[in-house]
Protein backbone atom coordinates (compact mmCIF):
# COMPACT_ATOMS: atom_id res chain seq x y z
CA MET A 1 -0.08 0.11 -0.08
CA SER A 2 1.38 3.42 -0.97
CA SER A 3 1.67 6.17 1.85
CA ALA A 4 -0.89 8.08 -0.04
CA SER A 5 -3.59 5.23 0.13
CA GLU A 6 -2.28 4.61 3.70
CA ALA A 7 -3.14 8.05 4.74
CA ASN A 8 -6.63 7.73 3.06
CA ALA A 9 -7.14 4.43 5.07
CA TRP A 10 -7.13 6.57 8.40
CA ASP A 11 -9.81 9.08 9.02
CA ALA A 12 -8.04 12.61 9.82
CA GLY A 13 -9.06 12.39 13.34
CA GLU A 14 -7.71 8.87 14.00
CA LEU A 15 -4.45 9.97 12.38
CA GLU A 16 -3.99 13.15 14.55
CA VAL A 17 -4.82 10.93 17.66
CA ALA A 18 -2.13 8.50 16.81
CA ILE A 19 0.33 11.21 16.04
CA ASP A 20 -0.49 12.79 19.55
CA GLN A 21 -0.13 9.28 21.17
CA ALA A 22 3.33 8.64 19.54
CA ILE A 23 4.52 12.14 20.70
CA ALA A 24 3.21 11.56 24.18
CA ALA A 25 4.89 8.17 24.50
CA CYS A 26 8.28 10.04 24.01
CA ASP A 27 7.35 12.74 26.57
CA GLY A 28 6.96 15.32 23.82
CA ASP A 29 10.38 15.02 22.45
CA LEU A 30 9.97 15.22 18.57
CA ARG A 31 13.36 13.95 17.91
CA SER A 32 12.63 10.82 20.03
CA THR A 33 9.42 10.36 18.50
CA ILE A 34 10.88 10.26 15.06
CA ARG A 35 13.82 7.88 16.31
CA ALA A 36 11.31 5.46 17.80
CA LEU A 37 9.27 5.55 14.41
CA ILE A 38 12.26 4.85 12.38
CA VAL A 39 13.39 1.98 14.52
CA ALA A 40 9.87 0.59 14.52
CA ASN A 41 9.86 0.77 10.77
CA GLU A 42 13.00 -0.82 10.24
CA TYR A 43 11.90 -3.76 12.60
CA LEU A 44 8.85 -4.18 10.50
CA GLU A 45 10.61 -4.07 7.24
CA SER A 46 13.08 -6.89 8.44
CA GLU A 47 9.98 -8.91 9.48
CA VAL A 48 8.30 -8.45 6.03
CA SER A 49 11.58 -9.43 4.36
CA GLU A 50 11.79 -12.67 6.44
CA LEU A 51 8.38 -13.51 5.87
CA MET A 52 8.73 -12.96 2.11
CA LYS A 53 11.76 -15.23 2.24
CA ALA A 54 9.80 -17.97 4.12
CA VAL A 55 6.85 -17.90 1.74
CA SER A 56 9.10 -18.06 -1.26
CA HIS A 57 11.02 -20.95 0.15
CA ALA A 58 7.81 -22.84 0.91
CA TYR A 59 6.46 -22.03 -2.57
CA VAL A 60 9.60 -23.38 -4.18
CA ARG A 61 9.41 -26.62 -2.05
CA GLY A 62 5.81 -27.02 -2.97
CA ARG A 63 4.36 -26.33 0.43
CA PHE A 64 2.60 -23.20 -0.72
CA HIS A 65 0.10 -23.41 -3.41
CA THR A 66 -1.44 -20.49 -5.35
CA TYR A 67 -5.22 -20.00 -5.68
CA SER A 68 -6.26 -20.65 -9.23
CA GLY A 69 -9.97 -19.61 -8.73
């Protein structure tokens, strides 16, 4: 999902609340908030990468079948 469509998936009020919660979790320090979000994003990207490898490996070994409708 692109960042534009992700932003559209949130209603504006929910997004503002999430932003406020992230900043509050870092005691109002915007630099710490950005650092925490970058670290979280890196972690999630590595998780996605590992899952993609696992699915690809399972597919090659015939353990994962595509749906042919």
